[in-house]
Amino acid sequence: MPPSLQDAVTELLTLHNIGRFADMEQRAKAVLKSFAGSPVLRELLGLALASQRRFSEALPHFERAARDLPEDPQFWDNLSLCQCELKDYASAERSLRKSLALIRL
């Protein structure tokens, strides 16, 4: 287990940056056991799944991250992209509008 949440996030982003999405998914699931309430880890797990084009599996992680940390525009943006991939365009538009409204604040 990483000694801190920041170390876990750094490790997951490194795995994402080098395209090791399956490893990122497994690591995120493991780390979430220690930091279960972390919206950032939920977001990164969603990102790992979406990067493998497993959008229906990624969706609940993006939704929970956005619900748990609603002031983060990136969470809403990633949720919107996932919803768009799932052809839920009305929800994608709402999520994107929330993201843009937060950026303008």
PDB file of N, CA and C in Angstrom:
ATOM      1  N   MET A   1       0.839  -1.185   0.000  1.00  0.00           N
ATOM      2  CA  MET A   1       0.000   0.000   0.000  1.00  0.00           C
ATOM      3  C   MET A   1       0.883   1.247   0.000  1.00  0.00           C
ATOM      4  N   PRO A   2       0.540   2.244  -0.800  1.00  0.00           N
ATOM      5  CA  PRO A   2       1.296   3.501  -0.775  1.00  0.00           C
ATOM      6  C   PRO A   2       1.161   4.166   0.588  1.00  0.00           C
ATOM      7  N   PRO A   3       2.198   4.873   1.007  1.00  0.00           N
ATOM      8  CA  PRO A   3       2.138   5.512   2.318  1.00  0.00           C
ATOM      9  C   PRO A   3       1.131   6.654   2.404  1.00  0.00           C
ATOM     10  N   SER A   4       0.709   7.193   1.293  1.00  0.00           N
ATOM     11  CA  SER A   4      -0.239   8.311   1.348  1.00  0.00           C
ATOM     12  C   SER A   4      -1.141   8.282   0.122  1.00  0.00           C
ATOM     13  N   LEU A   5      -2.232   9.014   0.241  1.00  0.00           N
ATOM     14  CA  LEU A   5      -3.145   9.151  -0.890  1.00  0.00           C
ATOM     15  C   LEU A   5      -2.430   9.807  -2.072  1.00  0.00           C
ATOM     16  N   GLN A   6      -1.614  10.805  -1.788  1.00  0.00           N
ATOM     17  CA  GLN A   6      -0.892  11.492  -2.867  1.00  0.00           C
ATOM     18  C   GLN A   6       0.038  10.523  -3.605  1.00  0.00           C
ATOM     19  N   ASP A   7       0.712   9.641  -2.870  1.00  0.00           N
ATOM     20  CA  ASP A   7       1.574   8.651  -3.515  1.00  0.00           C
ATOM     21  C   ASP A   7       0.759   7.727  -4.417  1.00  0.00           C
ATOM     22  N   ALA A   8      -0.423   7.339  -3.945  1.00  0.00           N
ATOM     23  CA  ALA A   8      -1.290   6.473  -4.743  1.00  0.00           C
ATOM     24  C   ALA A   8      -1.729   7.177  -6.023  1.00  0.00           C
ATOM     25  N   VAL A   9      -2.124   8.431  -5.908  1.00  0.00           N
ATOM     26  CA  VAL A   9      -2.554   9.206  -7.077  1.00  0.00           C
ATOM     27  C   VAL A   9      -1.407   9.344  -8.066  1.00  0.00           C
ATOM     28  N   THR A  10      -0.230   9.650  -7.568  1.00  0.00           N
ATOM     29  CA  THR A  10       0.944   9.780  -8.435  1.00  0.00           C
ATOM     30  C   THR A  10       1.228   8.473  -9.167  1.00  0.00           C
ATOM     31  N   GLU A  11       1.162   7.367  -8.451  1.00  0.00           N
ATOM     32  CA  GLU A  11       1.395   6.059  -9.065  1.00  0.00           C
ATOM     33  C   GLU A  11       0.366   5.772 -10.153  1.00  0.00           C
ATOM     34  N   LEU A  12      -0.900   6.045  -9.871  1.00  0.00           N
ATOM     35  CA  LEU A  12      -1.956   5.783 -10.851  1.00  0.00           C
ATOM     36  C   LEU A  12      -1.825   6.667 -12.083  1.00  0.00           C
ATOM     37  N   LEU A  13      -1.484   7.922 -11.881  1.00  0.00           N
ATOM     38  CA  LEU A  13      -1.293   8.818 -13.026  1.00  0.00           C
ATOM     39  C   LEU A  13      -0.097   8.388 -13.872  1.00  0.00           C
ATOM     40  N   THR A  14       0.935   7.888 -13.224  1.00  0.00           N
ATOM     41  CA  THR A  14       2.097   7.370 -13.967  1.00  0.00           C
ATOM     42  C   THR A  14       1.685   6.187 -14.828  1.00  0.00           C
ATOM     43  N   LEU A  15       0.923   5.260 -14.258  1.00  0.00           N
ATOM     44  CA  LEU A  15       0.446   4.112 -15.031  1.00  0.00           C
ATOM     45  C   LEU A  15      -0.421   4.573 -16.205  1.00  0.00           C
ATOM     46  N   HIS A  16      -1.254   5.577 -15.977  1.00  0.00           N
ATOM     47  CA  HIS A  16      -2.084   6.112 -17.059  1.00  0.00           C
ATOM     48  C   HIS A  16      -1.212   6.715 -18.161  1.00  0.00           C
ATOM     49  N   ASN A  17      -0.232   7.490 -17.757  1.00  0.00           N
ATOM     50  CA  ASN A  17       0.617   8.191 -18.731  1.00  0.00           C
ATOM     51  C   ASN A  17       1.423   7.246 -19.604  1.00  0.00           C
ATOM     52  N   ILE A  18       1.709   6.052 -19.098  1.00  0.00           N
ATOM     53  CA  ILE A  18       2.472   5.093 -19.914  1.00  0.00           C
ATOM     54  C   ILE A  18       1.557   4.048 -20.556  1.00  0.00           C
ATOM     55  N   GLY A  19       0.245   4.259 -20.438  1.00  0.00           N
ATOM     56  CA  GLY A  19      -0.707   3.420 -21.152  1.00  0.00           C
ATOM     57  C   GLY A  19      -0.955   2.059 -20.528  1.00  0.00           C
ATOM     58  N   ARG A  20      -0.636   1.900 -19.267  1.00  0.00           N
ATOM     59  CA  ARG A  20      -0.854   0.613 -18.585  1.00  0.00           C
ATOM     60  C   ARG A  20      -2.195   0.662 -17.847  1.00  0.00           C
ATOM     61  N   PHE A  21      -3.276   0.670 -18.639  1.00  0.00           N
ATOM     62  CA  PHE A  21      -4.605   0.901 -18.098  1.00  0.00           C
ATOM     63  C   PHE A  21      -5.126  -0.267 -17.264  1.00  0.00           C
ATOM     64  N   ALA A  22      -4.830  -1.501 -17.670  1.00  0.00           N
ATOM     65  CA  ALA A  22      -5.264  -2.660 -16.881  1.00  0.00           C
ATOM     66  C   ALA A  22      -4.540  -2.674 -15.534  1.00  0.00           C
ATOM     67  N   ASP A  23      -3.254  -2.365 -15.540  1.00  0.00           N
ATOM     68  CA  ASP A  23      -2.501  -2.278 -14.280  1.00  0.00           C
ATOM     69  C   ASP A  23      -3.042  -1.142 -13.420  1.00  0.00           C
ATOM     70  N   MET A  24      -3.379  -0.037 -14.057  1.00  0.00           N
ATOM     71  CA  MET A  24      -3.939   1.107 -13.341  1.00  0.00           C
ATOM     72  C   MET A  24      -5.258   0.715 -12.677  1.00  0.00           C
ATOM     73  N   GLU A  25      -6.085  -0.012 -13.407  1.00  0.00           N
ATOM     74  CA  GLU A  25      -7.362  -0.470 -12.858  1.00  0.00           C
ATOM     75  C   GLU A  25      -7.142  -1.338 -11.622  1.00  0.00           C
ATOM     76  N   GLN A  26      -6.274  -2.332 -11.730  1.00  0.00           N
ATOM     77  CA  GLN A  26      -6.030  -3.238 -10.610  1.00  0.00           C
ATOM     78  C   GLN A  26      -5.459  -2.495  -9.404  1.00  0.00           C
ATOM     79  N   ARG A  27      -4.544  -1.582  -9.666  1.00  0.00           N
ATOM     80  CA  ARG A  27      -3.922  -0.812  -8.576  1.00  0.00           C
ATOM     81  C   ARG A  27      -4.945   0.111  -7.919  1.00  0.00           C
ATOM     82  N   ALA A  28      -5.789   0.744  -8.721  1.00  0.00           N
ATOM     83  CA  ALA A  28      -6.816   1.637  -8.166  1.00  0.00           C
ATOM     84  C   ALA A  28      -7.783   0.859  -7.282  1.00  0.00           C
ATOM     85  N   LYS A  29      -8.181  -0.326  -7.719  1.00  0.00           N
ATOM     86  CA  LYS A  29      -9.079  -1.145  -6.907  1.00  0.00           C
ATOM     87  C   LYS A  29      -8.420  -1.520  -5.583  1.00  0.00           C
ATOM     88  N   ALA A  30      -7.150  -1.845  -5.627  1.00  0.00           N
ATOM     89  CA  ALA A  30      -6.426  -2.209  -4.404  1.00  0.00           C
ATOM     90  C   ALA A  30      -6.309  -1.016  -3.452  1.00  0.00           C
ATOM     91  N   VAL A  31      -5.958   0.132  -3.999  1.00  0.00           N
ATOM     92  CA  VAL A  31      -5.747   1.318  -3.171  1.00  0.00           C
ATOM     93  C   VAL A  31      -7.070   1.824  -2.594  1.00  0.00           C
ATOM     94  N   LEU A  32      -8.158   1.647  -3.339  1.00  0.00           N
ATOM     95  CA  LEU A  32      -9.470   2.078  -2.840  1.00  0.00           C
ATOM     96  C   LEU A  32      -9.859   1.348  -1.563  1.00  0.00           C
ATOM     97  N   LYS A  33      -9.305   0.169  -1.345  1.00  0.00           N
ATOM     98  CA  LYS A  33      -9.597  -0.550  -0.105  1.00  0.00           C
ATOM     99  C   LYS A  33      -9.054   0.207   1.105  1.00  0.00           C
ATOM    100  N   SER A  34      -7.971   0.932   0.923  1.00  0.00           N
ATOM    101  CA  SER A  34      -7.378   1.707   2.017  1.00  0.00           C
ATOM    102  C   SER A  34      -7.935   3.122   2.101  1.00  0.00           C
ATOM    103  N   PHE A  35      -8.328   3.679   0.956  1.00  0.00           N
ATOM    104  CA  PHE A  35      -8.812   5.062   0.895  1.00  0.00           C
ATOM    105  C   PHE A  35     -10.202   5.069   0.261  1.00  0.00           C
ATOM    106  N   ALA A  36     -11.128   4.344   0.862  1.00  0.00           N
ATOM    107  CA  ALA A  36     -12.435   4.092   0.251  1.00  0.00           C
ATOM    108  C   ALA A  36     -13.237   5.358  -0.028  1.00  0.00           C
ATOM    109  N   GLY A  37     -13.052   6.395   0.744  1.00  0.00           N
ATOM    110  CA  GLY A  37     -13.853   7.589   0.557  1.00  0.00           C
ATOM    111  C   GLY A  37     -13.274   8.598  -0.401  1.00  0.00           C
ATOM    112  N   SER A  38     -12.250   8.237  -1.156  1.00  0.00           N
ATOM    113  CA  SER A  38     -11.554   9.200  -2.007  1.00  0.00           C
ATOM    114  C   SER A  38     -12.208   9.362  -3.369  1.00  0.00           C
ATOM    115  N   PRO A  39     -12.810  10.537  -3.639  1.00  0.00           N
ATOM    116  CA  PRO A  39     -13.370  10.775  -4.974  1.00  0.00           C
ATOM    117  C   PRO A  39     -12.297  10.753  -6.060  1.00  0.00           C
ATOM    118  N   VAL A  40     -11.094  11.184  -5.730  1.00  0.00           N
ATOM    119  CA  VAL A  40     -10.019  11.195  -6.725  1.00  0.00           C
ATOM    120  C   VAL A  40      -9.683   9.773  -7.168  1.00  0.00           C
ATOM    121  N   LEU A  41      -9.628   8.847  -6.228  1.00  0.00           N
ATOM    122  CA  LEU A  41      -9.349   7.452  -6.601  1.00  0.00           C
ATOM    123  C   LEU A  41     -10.496   6.861  -7.399  1.00  0.00           C
ATOM    124  N   ARG A  42     -11.740   7.222  -7.053  1.00  0.00           N
ATOM    125  CA  ARG A  42     -12.891   6.766  -7.849  1.00  0.00           C
ATOM    126  C   ARG A  42     -12.760   7.276  -9.288  1.00  0.00           C
ATOM    127  N   GLU A  43     -12.400   8.542  -9.413  1.00  0.00           N
ATOM    128  CA  GLU A  43     -12.227   9.157 -10.733  1.00  0.00           C
ATOM    129  C   GLU A  43     -11.146   8.426 -11.521  1.00  0.00           C
ATOM    130  N   LEU A  44     -10.045   8.115 -10.861  1.00  0.00           N
ATOM    131  CA  LEU A  44      -8.938   7.443 -11.549  1.00  0.00           C
ATOM    132  C   LEU A  44      -9.295   6.014 -11.932  1.00  0.00           C
ATOM    133  N   LEU A  45     -10.087   5.332 -11.107  1.00  0.00           N
ATOM    134  CA  LEU A  45     -10.564   4.004 -11.483  1.00  0.00           C
ATOM    135  C   LEU A  45     -11.471   4.128 -12.707  1.00  0.00           C
ATOM    136  N   GLY A  46     -12.348   5.119 -12.701  1.00  0.00           N
ATOM    137  CA  GLY A  46     -13.188   5.349 -13.881  1.00  0.00           C
ATOM    138  C   GLY A  46     -12.360   5.632 -15.117  1.00  0.00           C
ATOM    139  N   LEU A  47     -11.320   6.403 -14.946  1.00  0.00           N
ATOM    140  CA  LEU A  47     -10.437   6.727 -16.067  1.00  0.00           C
ATOM    141  C   LEU A  47      -9.728   5.478 -16.597  1.00  0.00           C
ATOM    142  N   ALA A  48      -9.295   4.619 -15.689  1.00  0.00           N
ATOM    143  CA  ALA A  48      -8.652   3.368 -16.105  1.00  0.00           C
ATOM    144  C   ALA A  48      -9.614   2.504 -16.910  1.00  0.00           C
ATOM    145  N   LEU A  49     -10.846   2.419 -16.462  1.00  0.00           N
ATOM    146  CA  LEU A  49     -11.851   1.621 -17.172  1.00  0.00           C
ATOM    147  C   LEU A  49     -12.219   2.261 -18.505  1.00  0.00           C
ATOM    148  N   ALA A  50     -12.428   3.573 -18.506  1.00  0.00           N
ATOM    149  CA  ALA A  50     -12.778   4.267 -19.749  1.00  0.00           C
ATOM    150  C   ALA A  50     -11.643   4.172 -20.766  1.00  0.00           C
ATOM    151  N   SER A  51     -10.428   4.184 -20.289  1.00  0.00           N
ATOM    152  CA  SER A  51      -9.280   4.078 -21.197  1.00  0.00           C
ATOM    153  C   SER A  51      -9.213   2.711 -21.855  1.00  0.00           C
ATOM    154  N   GLN A  52      -9.877   1.741 -21.251  1.00  0.00           N
ATOM    155  CA  GLN A  52     -10.000   0.404 -21.843  1.00  0.00           C
ATOM    156  C   GLN A  52     -11.323   0.260 -22.603  1.00  0.00           C
ATOM    157  N   ARG A  53     -12.012   1.382 -22.784  1.00  0.00           N
ATOM    158  CA  ARG A  53     -13.290   1.454 -23.493  1.00  0.00           C
ATOM    159  C   ARG A  53     -14.384   0.646 -22.804  1.00  0.00           C
ATOM    160  N   ARG A  54     -14.300   0.570 -21.490  1.00  0.00           N
ATOM    161  CA  ARG A  54     -15.290  -0.122 -20.668  1.00  0.00           C
ATOM    162  C   ARG A  54     -16.144   0.948 -19.978  1.00  0.00           C
ATOM    163  N   PHE A  55     -16.872   1.671 -20.812  1.00  0.00           N
ATOM    164  CA  PHE A  55     -17.580   2.867 -20.353  1.00  0.00           C
ATOM    165  C   PHE A  55     -18.710   2.558 -19.377  1.00  0.00           C
ATOM    166  N   SER A  56     -19.438   1.476 -19.597  1.00  0.00           N
ATOM    167  CA  SER A  56     -20.539   1.175 -18.676  1.00  0.00           C
ATOM    168  C   SER A  56     -20.008   0.831 -17.288  1.00  0.00           C
ATOM    169  N   GLU A  57     -18.811   0.256 -17.204  1.00  0.00           N
ATOM    170  CA  GLU A  57     -18.193  -0.014 -15.904  1.00  0.00           C
ATOM    171  C   GLU A  57     -17.615   1.261 -15.297  1.00  0.00           C
ATOM    172  N   ALA A  58     -17.143   2.157 -16.136  1.00  0.00           N
ATOM    173  CA  ALA A  58     -16.539   3.403 -15.655  1.00  0.00           C
ATOM    174  C   ALA A  58     -17.588   4.378 -15.128  1.00  0.00           C
ATOM    175  N   LEU A  59     -18.768   4.356 -15.729  1.00  0.00           N
ATOM    176  CA  LEU A  59     -19.803   5.347 -15.423  1.00  0.00           C
ATOM    177  C   LEU A  59     -20.095   5.505 -13.931  1.00  0.00           C
ATOM    178  N   PRO A  60     -20.357   4.427 -13.171  1.00  0.00           N
ATOM    179  CA  PRO A  60     -20.686   4.642 -11.756  1.00  0.00           C
ATOM    180  C   PRO A  60     -19.545   5.268 -10.952  1.00  0.00           C
ATOM    181  N   HIS A  61     -18.321   5.029 -11.363  1.00  0.00           N
ATOM    182  CA  HIS A  61     -17.177   5.626 -10.668  1.00  0.00           C
ATOM    183  C   HIS A  61     -17.097   7.126 -10.950  1.00  0.00           C
ATOM    184  N   PHE A  62     -17.327   7.507 -12.199  1.00  0.00           N
ATOM    185  CA  PHE A  62     -17.364   8.930 -12.540  1.00  0.00           C
ATOM    186  C   PHE A  62     -18.534   9.622 -11.833  1.00  0.00           C
ATOM    187  N   GLU A  63     -19.695   8.959 -11.816  1.00  0.00           N
ATOM    188  CA  GLU A  63     -20.873   9.550 -11.163  1.00  0.00           C
ATOM    189  C   GLU A  63     -20.619   9.772  -9.673  1.00  0.00           C
ATOM    190  N   ARG A  64     -20.041   8.776  -9.033  1.00  0.00           N
ATOM    191  CA  ARG A  64     -19.795   8.908  -7.588  1.00  0.00           C
ATOM    192  C   ARG A  64     -18.752   9.986  -7.304  1.00  0.00           C
ATOM    193  N   ALA A  65     -17.707  10.042  -8.108  1.00  0.00           N
ATOM    194  CA  ALA A  65     -16.680  11.072  -7.903  1.00  0.00           C
ATOM    195  C   ALA A  65     -17.298  12.461  -8.038  1.00  0.00           C
ATOM    196  N   ALA A  66     -18.113  12.660  -9.068  1.00  0.00           N
ATOM    197  CA  ALA A  66     -18.744  13.970  -9.278  1.00  0.00           C
ATOM    198  C   ALA A  66     -19.732  14.286  -8.153  1.00  0.00           C
ATOM    199  N   ARG A  67     -20.443  13.291  -7.676  1.00  0.00           N
ATOM    200  CA  ARG A  67     -21.391  13.498  -6.578  1.00  0.00           C
ATOM    201  C   ARG A  67     -20.647  13.824  -5.271  1.00  0.00           C
ATOM    202  N   ASP A  68     -19.532  13.138  -5.037  1.00  0.00           N
ATOM    203  CA  ASP A  68     -18.806  13.315  -3.776  1.00  0.00           C
ATOM    204  C   ASP A  68     -17.938  14.575  -3.751  1.00  0.00           C
ATOM    205  N   LEU A  69     -17.528  15.051  -4.922  1.00  0.00           N
ATOM    206  CA  LEU A  69     -16.708  16.271  -4.992  1.00  0.00           C
ATOM    207  C   LEU A  69     -17.238  17.130  -6.140  1.00  0.00           C
ATOM    208  N   PRO A  70     -18.451  17.686  -5.972  1.00  0.00           N
ATOM    209  CA  PRO A  70     -19.147  18.353  -7.077  1.00  0.00           C
ATOM    210  C   PRO A  70     -18.504  19.648  -7.549  1.00  0.00           C
ATOM    211  N   GLU A  71     -17.555  20.174  -6.820  1.00  0.00           N
ATOM    212  CA  GLU A  71     -16.928  21.434  -7.244  1.00  0.00           C
ATOM    213  C   GLU A  71     -15.734  21.225  -8.179  1.00  0.00           C
ATOM    214  N   ASP A  72     -15.427  19.978  -8.535  1.00  0.00           N
ATOM    215  CA  ASP A  72     -14.300  19.711  -9.428  1.00  0.00           C
ATOM    216  C   ASP A  72     -14.782  19.603 -10.875  1.00  0.00           C
ATOM    217  N   PRO A  73     -14.457  20.582 -11.715  1.00  0.00           N
ATOM    218  CA  PRO A  73     -14.961  20.553 -13.098  1.00  0.00           C
ATOM    219  C   PRO A  73     -14.443  19.367 -13.908  1.00  0.00           C
ATOM    220  N   GLN A  74     -13.242  18.884 -13.595  1.00  0.00           N
ATOM    221  CA  GLN A  74     -12.685  17.745 -14.345  1.00  0.00           C
ATOM    222  C   GLN A  74     -13.534  16.493 -14.137  1.00  0.00           C
ATOM    223  N   PHE A  75     -14.075  16.316 -12.942  1.00  0.00           N
ATOM    224  CA  PHE A  75     -14.927  15.157 -12.676  1.00  0.00           C
ATOM    225  C   PHE A  75     -16.167  15.192 -13.566  1.00  0.00           C
ATOM    226  N   TRP A  76     -16.783  16.374 -13.672  1.00  0.00           N
ATOM    227  CA  TRP A  76     -17.972  16.520 -14.512  1.00  0.00           C
ATOM    228  C   TRP A  76     -17.627  16.343 -15.992  1.00  0.00           C
ATOM    229  N   ASP A  77     -16.465  16.816 -16.388  1.00  0.00           N
ATOM    230  CA  ASP A  77     -16.027  16.692 -17.775  1.00  0.00           C
ATOM    231  C   ASP A  77     -15.832  15.221 -18.142  1.00  0.00           C
ATOM    232  N   ASN A  78     -15.147  14.478 -17.284  1.00  0.00           N
ATOM    233  CA  ASN A  78     -14.935  13.052 -17.561  1.00  0.00           C
ATOM    234  C   ASN A  78     -16.249  12.284 -17.536  1.00  0.00           C
ATOM    235  N   LEU A  79     -17.140  12.658 -16.626  1.00  0.00           N
ATOM    236  CA  LEU A  79     -18.462  12.031 -16.603  1.00  0.00           C
ATOM    237  C   LEU A  79     -19.186  12.300 -17.918  1.00  0.00           C
ATOM    238  N   SER A  80     -19.118  13.523 -18.394  1.00  0.00           N
ATOM    239  CA  SER A  80     -19.763  13.886 -19.654  1.00  0.00           C
ATOM    240  C   SER A  80     -19.214  13.061 -20.823  1.00  0.00           C
ATOM    241  N   LEU A  81     -17.903  12.924 -20.880  1.00  0.00           N
ATOM    242  CA  LEU A  81     -17.294  12.142 -21.967  1.00  0.00           C
ATOM    243  C   LEU A  81     -17.744  10.684 -21.924  1.00  0.00           C
ATOM    244  N   CYS A  82     -17.829  10.137 -20.732  1.00  0.00           N
ATOM    245  CA  CYS A  82     -18.280   8.758 -20.577  1.00  0.00           C
ATOM    246  C   CYS A  82     -19.747   8.629 -20.996  1.00  0.00           C
ATOM    247  N   GLN A  83     -20.576   9.549 -20.555  1.00  0.00           N
ATOM    248  CA  GLN A  83     -21.996   9.527 -20.928  1.00  0.00           C
ATOM    249  C   GLN A  83     -22.158   9.651 -22.437  1.00  0.00           C
ATOM    250  N   CYS A  84     -21.327  10.466 -23.042  1.00  0.00           N
ATOM    251  CA  CYS A  84     -21.380  10.634 -24.493  1.00  0.00           C
ATOM    252  C   CYS A  84     -21.027   9.317 -25.200  1.00  0.00           C
ATOM    253  N   GLU A  85     -20.001   8.644 -24.717  1.00  0.00           N
ATOM    254  CA  GLU A  85     -19.623   7.350 -25.301  1.00  0.00           C
ATOM    255  C   GLU A  85     -20.754   6.332 -25.182  1.00  0.00           C
ATOM    256  N   LEU A  86     -21.549   6.464 -24.124  1.00  0.00           N
ATOM    257  CA  LEU A  86     -22.685   5.559 -23.914  1.00  0.00           C
ATOM    258  C   LEU A  86     -23.950   6.059 -24.604  1.00  0.00           C
ATOM    259  N   LYS A  87     -23.806   7.134 -25.365  1.00  0.00           N
ATOM    260  CA  LYS A  87     -24.893   7.733 -26.146  1.00  0.00           C
ATOM    261  C   LYS A  87     -26.030   8.275 -25.278  1.00  0.00           C
ATOM    262  N   ASP A  88     -25.685   8.670 -24.060  1.00  0.00           N
ATOM    263  CA  ASP A  88     -26.640   9.332 -23.170  1.00  0.00           C
ATOM    264  C   ASP A  88     -26.377  10.833 -23.287  1.00  0.00           C
ATOM    265  N   TYR A  89     -26.805  11.389 -24.414  1.00  0.00           N
ATOM    266  CA  TYR A  89     -26.421  12.749 -24.774  1.00  0.00           C
ATOM    267  C   TYR A  89     -27.042  13.812 -23.874  1.00  0.00           C
ATOM    268  N   ALA A  90     -28.260  13.591 -23.405  1.00  0.00           N
ATOM    269  CA  ALA A  90     -28.890  14.586 -22.524  1.00  0.00           C
ATOM    270  C   ALA A  90     -28.110  14.695 -21.209  1.00  0.00           C
ATOM    271  N   SER A  91     -27.749  13.566 -20.633  1.00  0.00           N
ATOM    272  CA  SER A  91     -26.956  13.573 -19.395  1.00  0.00           C
ATOM    273  C   SER A  91     -25.571  14.149 -19.643  1.00  0.00           C
ATOM    274  N   ALA A  92     -24.986  13.806 -20.784  1.00  0.00           N
ATOM    275  CA  ALA A  92     -23.659  14.325 -21.128  1.00  0.00           C
ATOM    276  C   ALA A  92     -23.683  15.842 -21.229  1.00  0.00           C
ATOM    277  N   GLU A  93     -24.739  16.371 -21.822  1.00  0.00           N
ATOM    278  CA  GLU A  93     -24.852  17.830 -21.930  1.00  0.00           C
ATOM    279  C   GLU A  93     -24.967  18.475 -20.550  1.00  0.00           C
ATOM    280  N   ARG A  94     -25.789  17.891 -19.678  1.00  0.00           N
ATOM    281  CA  ARG A  94     -25.936  18.443 -18.321  1.00  0.00           C
ATOM    282  C   ARG A  94     -24.599  18.417 -17.569  1.00  0.00           C
ATOM    283  N   SER A  95     -23.884  17.312 -17.674  1.00  0.00           N
ATOM    284  CA  SER A  95     -22.593  17.196 -16.981  1.00  0.00           C
ATOM    285  C   SER A  95     -21.577  18.187 -17.537  1.00  0.00           C
ATOM    286  N   LEU A  96     -21.556  18.334 -18.842  1.00  0.00           N
ATOM    287  CA  LEU A  96     -20.622  19.276 -19.448  1.00  0.00           C
ATOM    288  C   LEU A  96     -20.968  20.710 -19.059  1.00  0.00           C
ATOM    289  N   ARG A  97     -22.249  21.022 -19.000  1.00  0.00           N
ATOM    290  CA  ARG A  97     -22.655  22.365 -18.571  1.00  0.00           C
ATOM    291  C   ARG A  97     -22.220  22.636 -17.123  1.00  0.00           C
ATOM    292  N   LYS A  98     -22.314  21.623 -16.252  1.00  0.00           N
ATOM    293  CA  LYS A  98     -21.851  21.794 -14.878  1.00  0.00           C
ATOM    294  C   LYS A  98     -20.350  22.047 -14.843  1.00  0.00           C
ATOM    295  N   SER A  99     -19.608  21.298 -15.656  1.00  0.00           N
ATOM    296  CA  SER A  99     -18.160  21.478 -15.718  1.00  0.00           C
ATOM    297  C   SER A  99     -17.815  22.885 -16.182  1.00  0.00           C
ATOM    298  N   LEU A 100     -18.456  23.330 -17.235  1.00  0.00           N
ATOM    299  CA  LEU A 100     -18.159  24.673 -17.766  1.00  0.00           C
ATOM    300  C   LEU A 100     -18.551  25.769 -16.794  1.00  0.00           C
ATOM    301  N   ALA A 101     -19.661  25.585 -16.085  1.00  0.00           N
ATOM    302  CA  ALA A 101     -20.075  26.588 -15.100  1.00  0.00           C
ATOM    303  C   ALA A 101     -19.052  26.692 -13.976  1.00  0.00           C
ATOM    304  N   LEU A 102     -18.465  25.585 -13.580  1.00  0.00           N
ATOM    305  CA  LEU A 102     -17.464  25.601 -12.516  1.00  0.00           C
ATOM    306  C   LEU A 102     -16.169  26.260 -12.979  1.00  0.00           C
ATOM    307  N   ILE A 103     -15.834  26.071 -14.234  1.00  0.00           N
ATOM    308  CA  ILE A 103     -14.603  26.684 -14.773  1.00  0.00           C
ATOM    309  C   ILE A 103     -14.757  28.197 -14.803  1.00  0.00           C
ATOM    310  N   ARG A 104     -15.947  28.678 -15.093  1.00  0.00           N
ATOM    311  CA  ARG A 104     -16.187  30.117 -15.204  1.00  0.00           C
ATOM    312  C   ARG A 104     -16.207  30.829 -13.864  1.00  0.00           C
ATOM    313  N   LEU A 105     -16.379  30.090 -12.775  1.00  0.00           N
ATOM    314  CA  LEU A 105     -16.501  30.723 -11.443  1.00  0.00           C
ATOM    315  C   LEU A 105     -15.265  31.477 -11.048  1.00  0.00           C
TER     316      LEU A 105
END
